[in-house]
Amino acid sequence: MKLKQRMVVLCAVLLLLGLAKIFLLDGGEGSAASRRDLRAFRKMEAGLSLSRGARLTHTLQSPWEIASQWVGPREVYPEETPELAAVLTSLSTARIERADVGYKGTQLKALLVLDGGQKVVFKPKRYNRDYVVEGEPYAGYDRHNAEVAAFHLDRILGFRRAPLVVGRYVNLRTEIKPVATDQLLSTFLMQGNNTCFYGKCYYCRESEPACAEGDLMEGSLTLWLPDVWPLQKHRHPWGRTYREGKLASENRDSSVKRTPFQSARRHRM
């Protein structure tokens, strides 16, 4: 073997030895760290997992009473909530006793009362999952599934300040209309074979209703916070206006009134 070839082979062997040394010295420690991270992740994942269809057992309290007891000055639910899955299941399945318009805010919604007297806010689906809203950051309507995503992101990050939210399908003909107030019923209309309603809010218009697929409408249900908690007005530190050339600082005296179903995250209701 020529000298040049021997040198190439020697360099290759030295490189392999160097890589092996790095792996043996650092890889073992890195593997241990990786295992620790994996165990921590699995523990967190187990703590966040929810059983679909969970029910409350061995309790005389309703799911609404349990959820109301979780609320504190700086959190909507505690870190340890073994009944959370059952409360969310109740949100997604409880019978609707009454339906009314949701007056306040800029976005279309309905106020529902579930079996047991629990208020919830129903925000209807406006877009398909893959629809892209173009234009200004505030263009278009709120996405109902963004409410659900915000709640679970709040859980993952450990903030625990977002109200409880679930996705739910409701039948407008059989579940909403029979228990709806006259105010809400007056906003119902048909577009083709689809049942629609436009409700009442700052920017709600008859020409821009939310429509079901037939009678079945997808939306999000947000649990109303207990009325015993007083609410205060706080100006958002990143507040802005919706008019070009007008600074939010020019409107510092015009605070936005917060409603019980608003969370710490910024979004338009």
Protein backbone atom coordinates (compact mmCIF):
# COMPACT_ATOMS: atom_id res chain seq x y z
CA MET A 1 0.00 0.00 0.00
CA LYS A 2 1.37 3.34 -0.95
CA LEU A 3 2.18 5.93 1.69
CA LYS A 4 -0.53 8.27 0.48
CA GLN A 5 -3.16 5.56 0.80
CA ARG A 6 -1.87 4.62 4.25
CA MET A 7 -2.20 8.23 5.36
CA VAL A 8 -5.80 8.38 4.13
CA VAL A 9 -6.67 5.17 6.00
CA LEU A 10 -4.94 6.46 9.15
CA CYS A 11 -6.86 9.73 9.02
CA ALA A 12 -10.13 7.84 8.59
CA VAL A 13 -9.36 5.62 11.60
CA LEU A 14 -8.40 8.62 13.73
CA LEU A 15 -11.63 10.36 12.76
CA LEU A 16 -13.69 7.32 13.72
CA LEU A 17 -11.83 7.04 17.03
CA GLY A 18 -12.48 10.71 17.70
CA LEU A 19 -16.17 10.36 16.99
CA ALA A 20 -16.37 7.27 19.16
CA LYS A 21 -14.66 9.10 22.01
CA ILE A 22 -17.07 12.01 21.74
CA PHE A 23 -20.02 9.62 21.74
CA LEU A 24 -18.73 7.63 24.71
CA LEU A 25 -17.83 10.67 26.79
CA ASP A 26 -20.80 12.90 25.97
CA GLY A 27 -23.30 10.44 24.60
CA GLY A 28 -23.82 8.58 27.85
CA GLU A 29 -24.48 11.77 29.73
CA GLY A 30 -26.64 13.06 26.90
CA SER A 31 -28.62 9.84 26.83
CA ALA A 32 -29.27 10.10 30.55
CA ALA A 33 -30.43 13.67 30.11
CA SER A 34 -32.61 12.60 27.21
CA ARG A 35 -34.15 9.88 29.34
CA ARG A 36 -34.86 12.38 32.10
CA ASP A 37 -36.44 14.76 29.62
CA LEU A 38 -38.53 11.94 28.18
CA ARG A 39 -39.73 10.90 31.64
CA ALA A 40 -40.61 14.51 32.47
CA PHE A 41 -42.45 14.88 29.18
CA ARG A 42 -44.42 11.67 29.70
CA LYS A 43 -45.34 12.76 33.22
CA MET A 44 -46.57 16.11 31.90
CA GLU A 45 -48.40 14.36 29.05
CA ALA A 46 -50.13 12.02 31.49
CA GLY A 47 -51.15 14.96 33.63
CA LEU A 48 -52.64 16.77 30.65
CA SER A 49 -54.42 13.81 29.09
CA LEU A 50 -58.21 13.75 29.36
CA SER A 51 -60.49 10.75 29.12
CA ARG A 52 -63.18 11.16 26.51
CA GLY A 53 -66.63 10.58 27.94
CA ALA A 54 -65.47 10.82 31.57
CA ARG A 55 -68.19 11.13 34.20
CA LEU A 56 -68.22 12.33 37.78
CA THR A 57 -68.32 9.51 40.32
CA HIS A 58 -68.75 9.43 44.11
CA THR A 59 -69.81 13.07 44.40
CA LEU A 60 -73.02 14.86 45.27
CA GLN A 61 -71.89 18.00 43.49
CA SER A 62 -72.76 18.95 39.94
CA PRO A 63 -69.93 19.57 37.47
CA TRP A 64 -70.79 23.28 37.57
CA GLU A 65 -70.40 23.44 41.35
CA ILE A 66 -67.03 21.73 41.11
CA ALA A 67 -65.80 24.10 38.38
CA SER A 68 -67.00 27.16 40.31
CA GLN A 69 -64.98 26.08 43.36
CA TRP A 70 -61.80 25.98 41.27
CA VAL A 71 -61.86 29.69 40.48
CA GLY A 72 -59.42 31.82 42.45
CA PRO A 73 -58.04 35.36 42.27
CA ARG A 74 -55.28 34.32 39.84
CA GLU A 75 -56.50 31.09 38.25
CA VAL A 76 -59.63 29.62 36.74
CA TYR A 77 -58.73 26.03 37.63
CA PRO A 78 -55.98 24.54 39.84
CA GLU A 79 -53.03 22.46 38.71
CA GLU A 80 -54.57 19.23 40.00
CA THR A 81 -58.03 18.79 38.50
CA PRO A 82 -58.95 15.09 38.32
CA GLU A 83 -62.56 16.04 37.53
CA LEU A 84 -61.65 18.26 34.56
CA ALA A 85 -62.42 15.63 31.93
CA ALA A 86 -65.85 15.00 33.47
CA VAL A 87 -66.64 18.73 33.58
CA LEU A 88 -65.65 19.14 29.92
CA THR A 89 -67.78 16.11 29.01
CA SER A 90 -70.74 17.72 30.75
CA LEU A 91 -70.12 20.91 28.78
CA SER A 92 -70.22 19.00 25.51
CA THR A 93 -73.26 16.84 26.30
CA ALA A 94 -75.54 18.60 28.81
CA ARG A 95 -79.05 19.45 27.65
CA ILE A 96 -79.65 23.05 26.61
CA GLU A 97 -82.41 24.60 28.74
CA ARG A 98 -82.48 28.12 27.32
CA ALA A 99 -80.93 30.13 24.49
CA ASP A 100 -80.64 33.88 24.16
CA VAL A 101 -78.66 36.48 22.22
CA GLY A 102 -75.19 37.45 23.36
CA TYR A 103 -75.40 41.22 23.25
CA LYS A 104 -71.94 42.47 24.16
CA GLY A 105 -68.77 42.32 22.11
CA THR A 106 -67.98 42.54 18.43
CA GLN A 107 -68.40 38.86 17.54
CA LEU A 108 -71.57 36.84 17.00
CA LYS A 109 -72.40 34.47 19.82
CA ALA A 110 -75.35 33.09 21.76
CA LEU A 111 -75.85 32.77 25.49
CA LEU A 112 -76.99 29.26 26.43
CA VAL A 113 -78.09 27.85 29.77
CA LEU A 114 -77.33 24.18 30.28
CA ASP A 115 -79.11 21.64 32.45
CA GLY A 116 -78.52 22.70 36.04
CA GLY A 117 -78.56 26.41 35.31
CA GLN A 118 -75.01 26.82 34.02
CA LYS A 119 -74.44 29.70 31.59
CA VAL A 120 -72.16 29.14 28.61
CA VAL A 121 -71.25 31.17 25.56
CA PHE A 122 -71.73 29.53 22.17
CA LYS A 123 -69.53 30.89 19.38
CA PRO A 124 -70.54 29.45 15.99
CA LYS A 125 -68.21 28.15 13.32
CA ARG A 126 -67.46 30.70 10.62
CA TYR A 127 -64.68 29.14 8.54
CA ASN A 128 -63.45 25.74 7.51
CA ARG A 129 -60.23 24.63 9.18
CA ASP A 130 -58.03 25.38 6.15
CA TYR A 131 -59.58 28.74 5.23
CA VAL A 132 -57.06 31.61 5.26
CA VAL A 133 -58.30 35.07 6.27
CA GLU A 134 -56.41 37.74 4.38
CA GLY A 135 -56.06 41.43 5.13
CA GLU A 136 -55.53 43.29 8.42
CA PRO A 137 -54.83 41.33 11.63
CA TYR A 138 -58.38 42.06 12.76
CA ALA A 139 -59.99 41.16 9.42
CA GLY A 140 -62.69 38.52 9.30
CA TYR A 141 -64.45 36.74 12.15
CA ASP A 142 -63.10 34.96 15.20
CA ARG A 143 -62.55 31.24 14.77
CA HIS A 144 -64.54 29.13 17.21
CA ASN A 145 -61.81 26.49 17.38
CA ALA A 146 -59.28 29.15 18.40
CA GLU A 147 -61.15 29.31 21.72
CA VAL A 148 -60.61 25.57 22.22
CA ALA A 149 -56.94 25.78 21.21
CA ALA A 150 -56.35 28.74 23.56
CA PHE A 151 -57.77 26.79 26.51
CA HIS A 152 -55.56 23.75 25.95
CA LEU A 153 -52.50 25.91 25.27
CA ASP A 154 -53.24 27.64 28.58
CA ARG A 155 -53.18 24.21 30.25
CA ILE A 156 -49.91 23.20 28.60
CA LEU A 157 -48.16 26.43 29.56
CA GLY A 158 -49.47 26.19 33.11
CA PHE A 159 -51.15 29.62 33.15
CA ARG A 160 -54.58 28.20 34.13
CA ARG A 161 -56.30 31.52 33.42
CA ALA A 162 -58.35 30.67 30.34
CA PRO A 163 -62.00 29.68 30.85
CA LEU A 164 -63.00 26.09 30.17
CA VAL A 165 -63.92 25.54 26.51
CA VAL A 166 -65.11 22.59 24.43
CA GLY A 167 -66.15 22.12 20.85
CA ARG A 168 -69.74 21.05 20.33
CA TYR A 169 -72.30 20.42 17.61
CA VAL A 170 -75.81 21.71 18.25
CA ASN A 171 -78.96 21.13 16.28
CA LEU A 172 -80.51 24.55 15.77
CA ARG A 173 -83.95 23.12 14.98
CA THR A 174 -84.29 20.64 17.86
CA GLU A 175 -81.95 22.01 20.55
CA ILE A 176 -81.95 25.79 20.15
CA LYS A 177 -85.22 27.00 18.60
CA PRO A 178 -87.57 25.25 21.10
CA VAL A 179 -85.86 26.98 24.05
CA ALA A 180 -84.82 30.25 22.37
CA THR A 181 -86.05 33.67 23.43
CA ASP A 182 -88.07 35.77 21.02
CA GLN A 183 -85.06 38.06 20.60
CA LEU A 184 -82.89 35.20 19.37
CA LEU A 185 -85.64 33.63 17.27
CA SER A 186 -86.14 36.91 15.44
CA THR A 187 -82.58 36.62 14.07
CA PHE A 188 -83.07 33.18 12.50
CA LEU A 189 -83.33 32.82 8.75
CA MET A 190 -82.81 30.27 6.00
CA GLN A 191 -80.17 30.32 3.27
CA GLY A 192 -81.02 27.51 0.93
CA ASN A 193 -81.41 24.41 3.10
CA ASN A 194 -79.22 25.81 5.88
CA THR A 195 -80.53 27.31 9.11
CA CYS A 196 -78.75 30.55 10.07
CA PHE A 197 -78.86 33.24 12.74
CA TYR A 198 -77.18 36.62 13.11
CA GLY A 199 -77.86 37.40 16.76
CA LYS A 200 -77.02 40.79 18.24
CA CYS A 201 -73.60 42.37 18.76
CA TYR A 202 -71.79 45.57 17.81
CA TYR A 203 -71.09 44.39 14.26
CA CYS A 204 -73.75 41.69 13.76
CA ARG A 205 -75.70 42.10 10.54
CA GLU A 206 -78.55 40.19 8.94
CA SER A 207 -76.46 40.09 5.78
CA GLU A 208 -73.65 38.21 7.61
CA PRO A 209 -75.30 35.38 9.56
CA ALA A 210 -73.65 32.21 10.82
CA CYS A 211 -75.06 29.17 9.05
CA ALA A 212 -75.32 25.53 9.98
CA GLU A 213 -74.97 22.64 7.59
CA GLY A 214 -78.64 21.92 7.37
CA ASP A 215 -79.64 22.25 11.03
CA LEU A 216 -76.36 21.05 12.56
CA MET A 217 -74.00 23.81 13.64
CA GLU A 218 -70.46 23.44 14.95
CA GLY A 219 -69.19 25.85 17.56
CA SER A 220 -67.38 26.32 20.85
CA LEU A 221 -68.89 26.42 24.33
CA THR A 222 -67.15 28.58 26.94
CA LEU A 223 -68.00 28.13 30.60
CA TRP A 224 -69.27 31.32 32.25
CA LEU A 225 -67.34 32.24 35.38
CA PRO A 226 -69.22 32.33 38.71
CA ASP A 227 -71.14 35.54 39.29
CA VAL A 228 -69.69 35.82 42.81
CA TRP A 229 -66.40 37.02 41.36
CA PRO A 230 -66.42 40.79 40.78
CA LEU A 231 -64.91 41.92 37.50
CA GLN A 232 -62.72 44.94 36.93
CA LYS A 233 -61.80 46.94 33.87
CA HIS A 234 -58.16 46.76 32.77
CA ARG A 235 -56.70 48.47 29.75
CA HIS A 236 -54.69 46.04 27.65
CA PRO A 237 -50.98 47.01 27.61
CA TRP A 238 -50.80 46.26 23.87
CA GLY A 239 -54.09 47.91 23.07
CA ARG A 240 -54.68 49.42 19.64
CA THR A 241 -57.44 50.99 17.63
CA TYR A 242 -59.11 49.84 14.45
CA ARG A 243 -58.62 53.15 12.67
CA GLU A 244 -55.53 53.81 10.62
CA GLY A 245 -53.41 56.67 11.93
CA LYS A 246 -55.07 56.70 15.38
CA LEU A 247 -52.93 55.54 18.30
CA ALA A 248 -54.36 53.49 21.12
CA SER A 249 -52.84 55.95 23.60
CA GLU A 250 -55.33 58.53 22.34
CA ASN A 251 -58.15 56.40 23.74
CA ARG A 252 -56.71 55.68 27.17
CA ASP A 253 -59.83 56.85 28.95
CA SER A 254 -62.11 54.50 27.03
CA SER A 255 -61.61 51.17 28.79
CA VAL A 256 -63.10 48.04 27.33
CA LYS A 257 -65.60 46.37 29.61
CA ARG A 258 -64.65 42.78 30.36
CA THR A 259 -67.29 40.11 30.40
CA PRO A 260 -67.25 36.93 32.53
CA PHE A 261 -66.16 34.67 29.71
CA GLN A 262 -63.11 36.72 28.71
CA SER A 263 -59.72 35.33 29.59
CA ALA A 264 -56.28 36.84 30.03
CA ARG A 265 -55.45 36.26 26.38
CA ARG A 266 -56.18 39.02 23.85
CA HIS A 267 -59.05 38.33 21.53
CA ARG A 268 -62.15 40.03 20.30
CA MET A 269 -65.40 38.78 21.74
